[in-house]
Protein backbone atom coordinates (compact mmCIF):
# COMPACT_ATOMS: atom_id res chain seq x y z
CA UNK A 1 0.00 0.00 0.00
CA UNK A 2 1.18 3.49 -0.70
CA UNK A 3 1.74 6.18 1.90
CA UNK A 4 -1.14 8.23 0.49
CA UNK A 5 -3.56 5.36 0.97
CA UNK A 6 -2.35 4.67 4.51
CA UNK A 7 -2.76 8.30 5.50
CA UNK A 8 -6.18 8.40 3.83
CA UNK A 9 -7.34 5.41 5.89
CA UNK A 10 -6.09 7.06 9.10
CA UNK A 11 -7.92 10.27 8.12
CA UNK A 12 -11.04 8.25 7.33
CA UNK A 13 -11.04 6.55 10.72
CA UNK A 14 -10.45 9.81 12.60
CA UNK A 15 -13.18 11.55 10.62
CA UNK A 16 -15.65 8.70 11.17
CA UNK A 17 -15.03 8.77 14.89
CA UNK A 18 -15.30 12.56 15.04
CA UNK A 19 -18.50 12.62 12.98
CA UNK A 20 -20.05 9.88 15.11
CA UNK A 21 -19.21 11.79 18.30
CA UNK A 22 -20.79 14.95 16.91
CA UNK A 23 -23.92 13.05 15.87
CA UNK A 24 -24.14 11.46 19.32
CA UNK A 25 -23.72 14.85 21.00
CA UNK A 26 -26.56 16.28 18.93
CA UNK A 27 -28.99 13.85 20.55
CA UNK A 28 -27.70 14.33 24.08
CA UNK A 29 -29.70 17.24 25.55
CA UNK A 30 -33.10 15.55 25.29
CA UNK A 31 -34.66 13.38 27.96
CA UNK A 32 -36.85 10.38 27.26
CA UNK A 33 -40.22 12.13 27.08
CA UNK A 34 -39.05 15.20 25.09
CA UNK A 35 -40.82 17.49 27.57
CA UNK A 36 -38.40 20.41 27.44
CA UNK A 37 -37.72 20.87 23.74
CA UNK A 38 -37.15 24.47 22.71
CA UNK A 39 -36.69 25.93 19.26
CA UNK A 40 -33.10 26.91 20.07
CA UNK A 41 -32.24 23.37 21.18
CA UNK A 42 -33.89 21.93 18.08
CA UNK A 43 -32.00 24.29 15.75
CA UNK A 44 -28.74 23.50 17.55
CA UNK A 45 -29.35 19.79 17.13
CA UNK A 46 -30.13 20.17 13.43
CA UNK A 47 -26.92 22.18 12.90
CA UNK A 48 -24.93 19.54 14.80
CA UNK A 49 -26.45 16.76 12.69
CA UNK A 50 -25.61 18.62 9.47
CA UNK A 51 -22.02 19.19 10.65
CA UNK A 52 -21.63 15.54 11.65
CA UNK A 53 -22.92 14.28 8.30
CA UNK A 54 -20.69 16.75 6.43
CA UNK A 55 -17.63 15.50 8.35
CA UNK A 56 -18.57 11.93 7.47
CA UNK A 57 -18.82 13.02 3.82
CA UNK A 58 -15.39 14.68 4.00
CA UNK A 59 -13.97 11.46 5.41
CA UNK A 60 -15.52 9.55 2.53
CA UNK A 61 -13.82 11.96 0.12
CA UNK A 62 -10.50 11.17 1.79
CA UNK A 63 -11.08 7.46 1.32
CA UNK A 64 -12.16 7.84 -2.32
CA UNK A 65 -8.88 9.58 -3.23
CA UNK A 66 -9.91 13.24 -3.17
CA UNK A 67 -7.35 14.05 -0.49
CA UNK A 68 -7.28 17.82 -0.78
CA UNK A 69 -11.07 18.25 -0.97
CA UNK A 70 -11.73 15.93 1.97
CA UNK A 71 -8.87 17.40 3.98
CA UNK A 72 -9.99 21.00 3.50
CA UNK A 73 -13.63 20.10 4.22
CA UNK A 74 -12.78 18.28 7.45
CA UNK A 75 -10.33 20.99 8.49
CA UNK A 76 -12.87 23.81 8.03
CA UNK A 77 -15.73 21.85 9.59
CA UNK A 78 -13.51 20.88 12.52
CA UNK A 79 -12.82 24.56 13.20
CA UNK A 80 -16.54 25.35 12.92
CA UNK A 81 -17.39 22.57 15.39
CA UNK A 82 -14.77 23.85 17.82
CA UNK A 83 -16.28 27.35 17.61
CA UNK A 84 -19.93 26.25 17.88
CA UNK A 85 -19.14 23.52 20.37
CA UNK A 86 -21.52 20.53 20.09
CA UNK A 87 -18.64 18.12 20.71
CA UNK A 88 -15.13 19.39 21.39
CA UNK A 89 -13.52 15.97 20.98
CA UNK A 90 -15.38 15.39 17.71
CA UNK A 91 -14.17 18.76 16.44
CA UNK A 92 -10.57 18.00 17.37
CA UNK A 93 -10.74 14.61 15.63
CA UNK A 94 -12.24 16.22 12.51
CA UNK A 95 -9.51 18.85 12.57
CA UNK A 96 -6.79 16.20 12.81
CA UNK A 97 -8.51 14.22 10.05
CA UNK A 98 -8.34 17.28 7.80
CA UNK A 99 -4.65 17.81 8.53
CA UNK A 100 -3.91 14.13 7.82
CA UNK A 101 -5.87 14.42 4.56
CA UNK A 102 -3.80 17.41 3.46
CA UNK A 103 -0.61 15.59 4.40
CA UNK A 104 -1.81 12.60 2.34
CA UNK A 105 -2.19 14.91 -0.63
CA UNK A 106 1.50 15.84 -0.40
CA UNK A 107 2.81 12.35 0.35
CA UNK A 108 4.61 10.39 -2.30
CA UNK A 109 2.91 7.51 -3.98
């Protein structure tokens, strides 16, 4: 296997884990009977779900060989998640996934 492919698989795994953590954090503030749902909490959850799915898509781009596109997408979305804050660990993992994707783009075959 080439170095690019190895780095892409590492970026994929980090991005999958980060996206899954963000998706899990988006469901966290609700209790079992959904008694205290507010519009702000619902909008925050929808934004977190969109960010999590977008990070999963960026990780898929890394795996499919579009290293620079997936790396930049995960890098930018990781920064956005760190600013908004649904899951700090998920944002850090997405950020690292983006950096690994950009490094994979520059690695030799």
